[in-house]
PDB file of N, CA and C in Angstrom:
ATOM      1  N   MET A   1      13.195 -37.295  24.107  1.00  0.00           N
ATOM      2  CA  MET A   1      13.980 -36.751  23.024  1.00  0.00           C
ATOM      3  C   MET A   1      14.358 -35.321  23.381  1.00  0.00           C
ATOM      4  N   ASP A   2      15.557 -34.924  23.029  1.00  0.00           N
ATOM      5  CA  ASP A   2      16.025 -33.557  23.314  1.00  0.00           C
ATOM      6  C   ASP A   2      15.244 -32.540  22.527  1.00  0.00           C
ATOM      7  N   ALA A   3      15.277 -31.339  23.011  1.00  0.00           N
ATOM      8  CA  ALA A   3      14.602 -30.240  22.307  1.00  0.00           C
ATOM      9  C   ALA A   3      15.273 -30.012  20.952  1.00  0.00           C
ATOM     10  N   ALA A   4      14.490 -29.510  20.011  1.00  0.00           N
ATOM     11  CA  ALA A   4      15.022 -29.224  18.677  1.00  0.00           C
ATOM     12  C   ALA A   4      16.095 -28.153  18.778  1.00  0.00           C
ATOM     13  N   PRO A   5      17.123 -28.245  17.930  1.00  0.00           N
ATOM     14  CA  PRO A   5      18.157 -27.205  17.932  1.00  0.00           C
ATOM     15  C   PRO A   5      17.557 -25.856  17.527  1.00  0.00           C
ATOM     16  N   ARG A   6      18.080 -24.841  18.097  1.00  0.00           N
ATOM     17  CA  ARG A   6      17.564 -23.482  17.832  1.00  0.00           C
ATOM     18  C   ARG A   6      18.631 -22.657  17.120  1.00  0.00           C
ATOM     19  N   LEU A   7      18.148 -21.767  16.262  1.00  0.00           N
ATOM     20  CA  LEU A   7      19.049 -20.812  15.636  1.00  0.00           C
ATOM     21  C   LEU A   7      19.391 -19.746  16.664  1.00  0.00           C
ATOM     22  N   PRO A   8      20.519 -19.087  16.520  1.00  0.00           N
ATOM     23  CA  PRO A   8      20.863 -18.025  17.455  1.00  0.00           C
ATOM     24  C   PRO A   8      19.773 -16.954  17.469  1.00  0.00           C
ATOM     25  N   ALA A   9      19.534 -16.407  18.641  1.00  0.00           N
ATOM     26  CA  ALA A   9      18.514 -15.374  18.765  1.00  0.00           C
ATOM     27  C   ALA A   9      18.904 -14.141  17.964  1.00  0.00           C
ATOM     28  N   LYS A  10      17.916 -13.517  17.378  1.00  0.00           N
ATOM     29  CA  LYS A  10      18.148 -12.316  16.582  1.00  0.00           C
ATOM     30  C   LYS A  10      18.515 -11.178  17.506  1.00  0.00           C
ATOM     31  N   ARG A  11      19.541 -10.456  17.150  1.00  0.00           N
ATOM     32  CA  ARG A  11      19.943  -9.310  17.953  1.00  0.00           C
ATOM     33  C   ARG A  11      19.110  -8.117  17.510  1.00  0.00           C
ATOM     34  N   PRO A  12      18.308  -7.586  18.395  1.00  0.00           N
ATOM     35  CA  PRO A  12      17.452  -6.456  18.002  1.00  0.00           C
ATOM     36  C   PRO A  12      18.273  -5.233  17.630  1.00  0.00           C
ATOM     37  N   GLY A  13      17.810  -4.533  16.611  1.00  0.00           N
ATOM     38  CA  GLY A  13      18.413  -3.277  16.243  1.00  0.00           C
ATOM     39  C   GLY A  13      19.536  -3.370  15.230  1.00  0.00           C
ATOM     40  N   ARG A  14      20.052  -4.576  14.984  1.00  0.00           N
ATOM     41  CA  ARG A  14      21.189  -4.700  14.074  1.00  0.00           C
ATOM     42  C   ARG A  14      20.829  -4.294  12.639  1.00  0.00           C
ATOM     43  N   PRO A  15      19.748  -4.834  12.039  1.00  0.00           N
ATOM     44  CA  PRO A  15      19.406  -4.397  10.675  1.00  0.00           C
ATOM     45  C   PRO A  15      19.044  -2.921  10.626  1.00  0.00           C
ATOM     46  N   GLN A  16      18.367  -2.423  11.653  1.00  0.00           N
ATOM     47  CA  GLN A  16      18.002  -1.016  11.663  1.00  0.00           C
ATOM     48  C   GLN A  16      19.244  -0.137  11.726  1.00  0.00           C
ATOM     49  N   ARG A  17      20.262  -0.584  12.428  1.00  0.00           N
ATOM     50  CA  ARG A  17      21.497   0.197  12.530  1.00  0.00           C
ATOM     51  C   ARG A  17      22.168   0.309  11.178  1.00  0.00           C
ATOM     52  N   GLY A  18      22.190  -0.794  10.428  1.00  0.00           N
ATOM     53  CA  GLY A  18      22.805  -0.792   9.100  1.00  0.00           C
ATOM     54  C   GLY A  18      22.049   0.130   8.145  1.00  0.00           C
ATOM     55  N   ARG A  19      20.710   0.078   8.205  1.00  0.00           N
ATOM     56  CA  ARG A  19      19.905   0.956   7.346  1.00  0.00           C
ATOM     57  C   ARG A  19      20.104   2.406   7.732  1.00  0.00           C
ATOM     58  N   ARG A  20      20.161   2.663   9.027  1.00  0.00           N
ATOM     59  CA  ARG A  20      20.349   4.048   9.492  1.00  0.00           C
ATOM     60  C   ARG A  20      21.720   4.581   9.049  1.00  0.00           C
ATOM     61  N   LEU A  21      22.728   3.755   9.190  1.00  0.00           N
ATOM     62  CA  LEU A  21      24.069   4.177   8.784  1.00  0.00           C
ATOM     63  C   LEU A  21      24.124   4.432   7.276  1.00  0.00           C
ATOM     64  N   ALA A  22      23.480   3.568   6.488  1.00  0.00           N
ATOM     65  CA  ALA A  22      23.461   3.764   5.044  1.00  0.00           C
ATOM     66  C   ALA A  22      22.715   5.056   4.679  1.00  0.00           C
ATOM     67  N   ARG A  23      21.615   5.326   5.390  1.00  0.00           N
ATOM     68  CA  ARG A  23      20.852   6.570   5.120  1.00  0.00           C
ATOM     69  C   ARG A  23      21.693   7.789   5.455  1.00  0.00           C
ATOM     70  N   ILE A  24      22.427   7.724   6.564  1.00  0.00           N
ATOM     71  CA  ILE A  24      23.283   8.853   6.963  1.00  0.00           C
ATOM     72  C   ILE A  24      24.388   9.064   5.919  1.00  0.00           C
ATOM     73  N   LYS A  25      24.998   7.957   5.459  1.00  0.00           N
ATOM     74  CA  LYS A  25      26.036   8.086   4.448  1.00  0.00           C
ATOM     75  C   LYS A  25      25.465   8.651   3.148  1.00  0.00           C
ATOM     76  N   TYR A  26      24.244   8.226   2.802  1.00  0.00           N
ATOM     77  CA  TYR A  26      23.605   8.721   1.594  1.00  0.00           C
ATOM     78  C   TYR A  26      23.336  10.214   1.716  1.00  0.00           C
ATOM     79  N   GLN A  27      22.809  10.643   2.866  1.00  0.00           N
ATOM     80  CA  GLN A  27      22.508  12.061   3.060  1.00  0.00           C
ATOM     81  C   GLN A  27      23.772  12.905   3.075  1.00  0.00           C
ATOM     82  N   ALA A  28      24.896  12.295   3.501  1.00  0.00           N
ATOM     83  CA  ALA A  28      26.158  13.016   3.524  1.00  0.00           C
ATOM     84  C   ALA A  28      26.842  12.998   2.150  1.00  0.00           C
ATOM     85  N   GLY A  29      26.287  12.200   1.224  1.00  0.00           N
ATOM     86  CA  GLY A  29      26.863  12.133  -0.112  1.00  0.00           C
ATOM     87  C   GLY A  29      27.992  11.117  -0.239  1.00  0.00           C
ATOM     88  N   ALA A  30      28.175  10.281   0.766  1.00  0.00           N
ATOM     89  CA  ALA A  30      29.261   9.308   0.729  1.00  0.00           C
ATOM     90  C   ALA A  30      28.924   8.111  -0.151  1.00  0.00           C
ATOM     91  N   ILE A  31      27.640   7.768  -0.251  1.00  0.00           N
ATOM     92  CA  ILE A  31      27.208   6.670  -1.112  1.00  0.00           C
ATOM     93  C   ILE A  31      25.992   7.110  -1.911  1.00  0.00           C
ATOM     94  N   ASP A  32      25.717   6.390  -2.986  1.00  0.00           N
ATOM     95  CA  ASP A  32      24.566   6.736  -3.807  1.00  0.00           C
ATOM     96  C   ASP A  32      23.337   5.940  -3.371  1.00  0.00           C
ATOM     97  N   LEU A  33      22.183   6.306  -3.924  1.00  0.00           N
ATOM     98  CA  LEU A  33      20.927   5.670  -3.569  1.00  0.00           C
ATOM     99  C   LEU A  33      20.916   4.189  -3.943  1.00  0.00           C
ATOM    100  N   LEU A  34      21.561   3.845  -5.046  1.00  0.00           N
ATOM    101  CA  LEU A  34      21.623   2.443  -5.464  1.00  0.00           C
ATOM    102  C   LEU A  34      22.275   1.583  -4.393  1.00  0.00           C
ATOM    103  N   SER A  35      23.323   2.074  -3.769  1.00  0.00           N
ATOM    104  CA  SER A  35      23.988   1.331  -2.706  1.00  0.00           C
ATOM    105  C   SER A  35      23.067   1.113  -1.518  1.00  0.00           C
ATOM    106  N   VAL A  36      22.287   2.121  -1.169  1.00  0.00           N
ATOM    107  CA  VAL A  36      21.336   2.004  -0.066  1.00  0.00           C
ATOM    108  C   VAL A  36      20.293   0.941  -0.395  1.00  0.00           C
ATOM    109  N   LEU A  37      19.777   0.972  -1.612  1.00  0.00           N
ATOM    110  CA  LEU A  37      18.770   0.019  -2.015  1.00  0.00           C
ATOM    111  C   LEU A  37      19.337  -1.403  -2.096  1.00  0.00           C
ATOM    112  N   GLN A  38      20.580  -1.541  -2.538  1.00  0.00           N
ATOM    113  CA  GLN A  38      21.215  -2.860  -2.570  1.00  0.00           C
ATOM    114  C   GLN A  38      21.405  -3.426  -1.163  1.00  0.00           C
ATOM    115  N   LEU A  39      21.751  -2.553  -0.225  1.00  0.00           N
ATOM    116  CA  LEU A  39      21.875  -2.973   1.173  1.00  0.00           C
ATOM    117  C   LEU A  39      20.538  -3.472   1.713  1.00  0.00           C
ATOM    118  N   GLN A  40      19.491  -2.713   1.428  1.00  0.00           N
ATOM    119  CA  GLN A  40      18.165  -3.120   1.893  1.00  0.00           C
ATOM    120  C   GLN A  40      17.748  -4.446   1.261  1.00  0.00           C
ATOM    121  N   ALA A  41      18.025  -4.630  -0.016  1.00  0.00           N
ATOM    122  CA  ALA A  41      17.677  -5.884  -0.706  1.00  0.00           C
ATOM    123  C   ALA A  41      18.454  -7.047  -0.075  1.00  0.00           C
ATOM    124  N   ALA A  42      19.731  -6.845   0.225  1.00  0.00           N
ATOM    125  CA  ALA A  42      20.530  -7.898   0.836  1.00  0.00           C
ATOM    126  C   ALA A  42      20.000  -8.269   2.224  1.00  0.00           C
ATOM    127  N   GLN A  43      19.539  -7.269   2.967  1.00  0.00           N
ATOM    128  CA  GLN A  43      18.967  -7.545   4.286  1.00  0.00           C
ATOM    129  C   GLN A  43      17.675  -8.341   4.172  1.00  0.00           C
ATOM    130  N   ILE A  44      16.867  -8.019   3.192  1.00  0.00           N
ATOM    131  CA  ILE A  44      15.601  -8.751   2.992  1.00  0.00           C
ATOM    132  C   ILE A  44      15.901 -10.204   2.626  1.00  0.00           C
ATOM    133  N   VAL A  45      16.873 -10.413   1.746  1.00  0.00           N
ATOM    134  CA  VAL A  45      17.241 -11.783   1.362  1.00  0.00           C
ATOM    135  C   VAL A  45      17.752 -12.551   2.572  1.00  0.00           C
ATOM    136  N   SER A  46      18.559 -11.913   3.416  1.00  0.00           N
ATOM    137  CA  SER A  46      19.087 -12.567   4.612  1.00  0.00           C
ATOM    138  C   SER A  46      17.952 -12.938   5.560  1.00  0.00           C
ATOM    139  N   GLN A  47      17.002 -12.037   5.739  1.00  0.00           N
ATOM    140  CA  GLN A  47      15.873 -12.345   6.620  1.00  0.00           C
ATOM    141  C   GLN A  47      15.034 -13.486   6.067  1.00  0.00           C
ATOM    142  N   ALA A  48      14.856 -13.535   4.750  1.00  0.00           N
ATOM    143  CA  ALA A  48      14.100 -14.640   4.137  1.00  0.00           C
ATOM    144  C   ALA A  48      14.846 -15.964   4.327  1.00  0.00           C
ATOM    145  N   ASP A  49      16.181 -15.936   4.239  1.00  0.00           N
ATOM    146  CA  ASP A  49      16.961 -17.148   4.451  1.00  0.00           C
ATOM    147  C   ASP A  49      16.789 -17.671   5.871  1.00  0.00           C
ATOM    148  N   VAL A  50      16.786 -16.765   6.841  1.00  0.00           N
ATOM    149  CA  VAL A  50      16.597 -17.166   8.241  1.00  0.00           C
ATOM    150  C   VAL A  50      15.216 -17.806   8.431  1.00  0.00           C
ATOM    151  N   ILE A  51      14.212 -17.222   7.840  1.00  0.00           N
ATOM    152  CA  ILE A  51      12.849 -17.770   7.954  1.00  0.00           C
ATOM    153  C   ILE A  51      12.791 -19.157   7.314  1.00  0.00           C
ATOM    154  N   GLN A  52      13.431 -19.338   6.165  1.00  0.00           N
ATOM    155  CA  GLN A  52      13.446 -20.648   5.533  1.00  0.00           C
ATOM    156  C   GLN A  52      14.138 -21.683   6.402  1.00  0.00           C
ATOM    157  N   LEU A  53      15.246 -21.312   7.043  1.00  0.00           N
ATOM    158  CA  LEU A  53      15.946 -22.227   7.927  1.00  0.00           C
ATOM    159  C   LEU A  53      15.095 -22.573   9.156  1.00  0.00           C
ATOM    160  N   GLN A  54      14.417 -21.587   9.687  1.00  0.00           N
ATOM    161  CA  GLN A  54      13.566 -21.839  10.844  1.00  0.00           C
ATOM    162  C   GLN A  54      12.415 -22.784  10.486  1.00  0.00           C
ATOM    163  N   ASN A  55      11.911 -22.697   9.283  1.00  0.00           N
ATOM    164  CA  ASN A  55      10.843 -23.585   8.837  1.00  0.00           C
ATOM    165  C   ASN A  55      11.381 -24.974   8.488  1.00  0.00           C
ATOM    166  N   ALA A  56      12.617 -25.051   8.043  1.00  0.00           N
ATOM    167  CA  ALA A  56      13.203 -26.326   7.647  1.00  0.00           C
ATOM    168  C   ALA A  56      13.494 -27.218   8.859  1.00  0.00           C
ATOM    169  N   LEU A  57      13.813 -26.635   9.993  1.00  0.00           N
ATOM    170  CA  LEU A  57      14.147 -27.442  11.176  1.00  0.00           C
ATOM    171  C   LEU A  57      13.007 -28.366  11.588  1.00  0.00           C
ATOM    172  N   PRO A  58      11.803 -27.867  11.816  1.00  0.00           N
ATOM    173  CA  PRO A  58      10.722 -28.793  12.202  1.00  0.00           C
ATOM    174  C   PRO A  58      10.330 -29.736  11.064  1.00  0.00           C
ATOM    175  N   ALA A  59      10.415 -29.286   9.825  1.00  0.00           N
ATOM    176  CA  ALA A  59      10.074 -30.151   8.702  1.00  0.00           C
ATOM    177  C   ALA A  59      11.056 -31.316   8.617  1.00  0.00           C
ATOM    178  N   ASN A  60      12.321 -31.043   8.796  1.00  0.00           N
ATOM    179  CA  ASN A  60      13.335 -32.111   8.779  1.00  0.00           C
ATOM    180  C   ASN A  60      13.156 -33.060   9.946  1.00  0.00           C
ATOM    181  N   ARG A  61      12.780 -32.527  11.082  1.00  0.00           N
ATOM    182  CA  ARG A  61      12.542 -33.376  12.257  1.00  0.00           C
ATOM    183  C   ARG A  61      11.369 -34.319  12.015  1.00  0.00           C
ATOM    184  N   ILE A  62      10.321 -33.822  11.388  1.00  0.00           N
ATOM    185  CA  ILE A  62       9.158 -34.661  11.059  1.00  0.00           C
ATOM    186  C   ILE A  62       9.565 -35.725  10.031  1.00  0.00           C
ATOM    187  N   ASP A  63      10.309 -35.310   9.018  1.00  0.00           N
ATOM    188  CA  ASP A  63      10.771 -36.278   8.005  1.00  0.00           C
ATOM    189  C   ASP A  63      11.599 -37.379   8.636  1.00  0.00           C
ATOM    190  N   LEU A  64      12.478 -37.027   9.538  1.00  0.00           N
ATOM    191  CA  LEU A  64      13.320 -38.021  10.216  1.00  0.00           C
ATOM    192  C   LEU A  64      12.442 -38.964  11.041  1.00  0.00           C
ATOM    193  N   HIS A  65      11.489 -38.433  11.771  1.00  0.00           N
ATOM    194  CA  HIS A  65      10.582 -39.241  12.591  1.00  0.00           C
ATOM    195  C   HIS A  65       9.850 -40.255  11.718  1.00  0.00           C
ATOM    196  N   LEU A  66       9.321 -39.808  10.601  1.00  0.00           N
ATOM    197  CA  LEU A  66       8.581 -40.706   9.712  1.00  0.00           C
ATOM    198  C   LEU A  66       9.521 -41.726   9.041  1.00  0.00           C
ATOM    199  N   THR A  67      10.726 -41.301   8.666  1.00  0.00           N
ATOM    200  CA  THR A  67      11.681 -42.195   8.041  1.00  0.00           C
ATOM    201  C   THR A  67      12.110 -43.307   8.979  1.00  0.00           C
ATOM    202  N   LEU A  68      12.195 -42.991  10.249  1.00  0.00           N
ATOM    203  CA  LEU A  68      12.593 -43.987  11.239  1.00  0.00           C
ATOM    204  C   LEU A  68      11.423 -44.885  11.667  1.00  0.00           C
ATOM    205  N   GLY A  69      10.285 -44.735  11.019  1.00  0.00           N
ATOM    206  CA  GLY A  69       9.163 -45.602  11.295  1.00  0.00           C
ATOM    207  C   GLY A  69       8.148 -45.036  12.266  1.00  0.00           C
ATOM    208  N   GLY A  70       8.301 -43.815  12.629  1.00  0.00           N
ATOM    209  CA  GLY A  70       7.350 -43.203  13.545  1.00  0.00           C
ATOM    210  C   GLY A  70       6.059 -42.861  12.823  1.00  0.00           C
ATOM    211  N   SER A  71       5.051 -42.579  13.593  1.00  0.00           N
ATOM    212  CA  SER A  71       3.775 -42.163  13.006  1.00  0.00           C
ATOM    213  C   SER A  71       3.159 -41.104  13.900  1.00  0.00           C
ATOM    214  N   PHE A  72       2.052 -40.585  13.457  1.00  0.00           N
ATOM    215  CA  PHE A  72       1.345 -39.578  14.238  1.00  0.00           C
ATOM    216  C   PHE A  72      -0.043 -40.056  14.604  1.00  0.00           C
ATOM    217  N   ASP A  73      -0.198 -41.397  14.680  1.00  0.00           N
ATOM    218  CA  ASP A  73      -1.471 -41.971  15.099  1.00  0.00           C
ATOM    219  C   ASP A  73      -1.745 -41.605  16.562  1.00  0.00           C
ATOM    220  N   ALA A  74      -3.014 -41.512  16.873  1.00  0.00           N
ATOM    221  CA  ALA A  74      -3.395 -41.179  18.262  1.00  0.00           C
ATOM    222  C   ALA A  74      -3.074 -42.311  19.217  1.00  0.00           C
ATOM    223  N   THR A  75      -3.178 -43.575  18.753  1.00  0.00           N
ATOM    224  CA  THR A  75      -2.881 -44.717  19.619  1.00  0.00           C
ATOM    225  C   THR A  75      -1.559 -45.331  19.218  1.00  0.00           C
ATOM    226  N   PRO A  76      -0.664 -45.554  20.159  1.00  0.00           N
ATOM    227  CA  PRO A  76       0.630 -46.137  19.815  1.00  0.00           C
ATOM    228  C   PRO A  76       0.473 -47.595  19.391  1.00  0.00           C
ATOM    229  N   ALA A  77       1.344 -48.071  18.526  1.00  0.00           N
ATOM    230  CA  ALA A  77       1.314 -49.448  18.075  1.00  0.00           C
ATOM    231  C   ALA A  77       1.743 -50.358  19.218  1.00  0.00           C
ATOM    232  N   ARG A  78       1.118 -51.545  19.302  1.00  0.00           N
ATOM    233  CA  ARG A  78       1.486 -52.521  20.348  1.00  0.00           C
ATOM    234  C   ARG A  78       2.586 -53.421  19.831  1.00  0.00           C
ATOM    235  N   ALA A  79       3.417 -53.856  20.755  1.00  0.00           N
ATOM    236  CA  ALA A  79       4.481 -54.787  20.374  1.00  0.00           C
ATOM    237  C   ALA A  79       3.834 -56.111  19.997  1.00  0.00           C
ATOM    238  N   GLY A  80       4.294 -56.700  18.891  1.00  0.00           N
ATOM    239  CA  GLY A  80       3.770 -57.998  18.452  1.00  0.00           C
ATOM    240  C   GLY A  80       2.513 -57.887  17.612  1.00  0.00           C
ATOM    241  N   SER A  81       2.015 -56.722  17.333  1.00  0.00           N
ATOM    242  CA  SER A  81       0.836 -56.557  16.475  1.00  0.00           C
ATOM    243  C   SER A  81       1.228 -56.759  15.030  1.00  0.00           C
ATOM    244  N   PRO A  82       0.357 -57.345  14.200  1.00  0.00           N
ATOM    245  CA  PRO A  82       0.696 -57.562  12.797  1.00  0.00           C
ATOM    246  C   PRO A  82       0.748 -56.307  11.997  1.00  0.00           C
TER     247      PRO A  82
END
């Protein structure tokens, strides 16, 4: 069976860059603190969504295996067994 599909690799530094830019804009007076906090909250929600998707992939694969009649017994079933 082929390897499980993978989500795209996380690009390091991307969320930190957004937070840094928001902090710089806040310090310069271009945006208010509420905007900075909303950005951080949106990033946290996005990260939680990625984690949920990463957890759903193996769970769905297990569900499919069991639905198709597979099992996780240590000994495989023999052909013609009752």
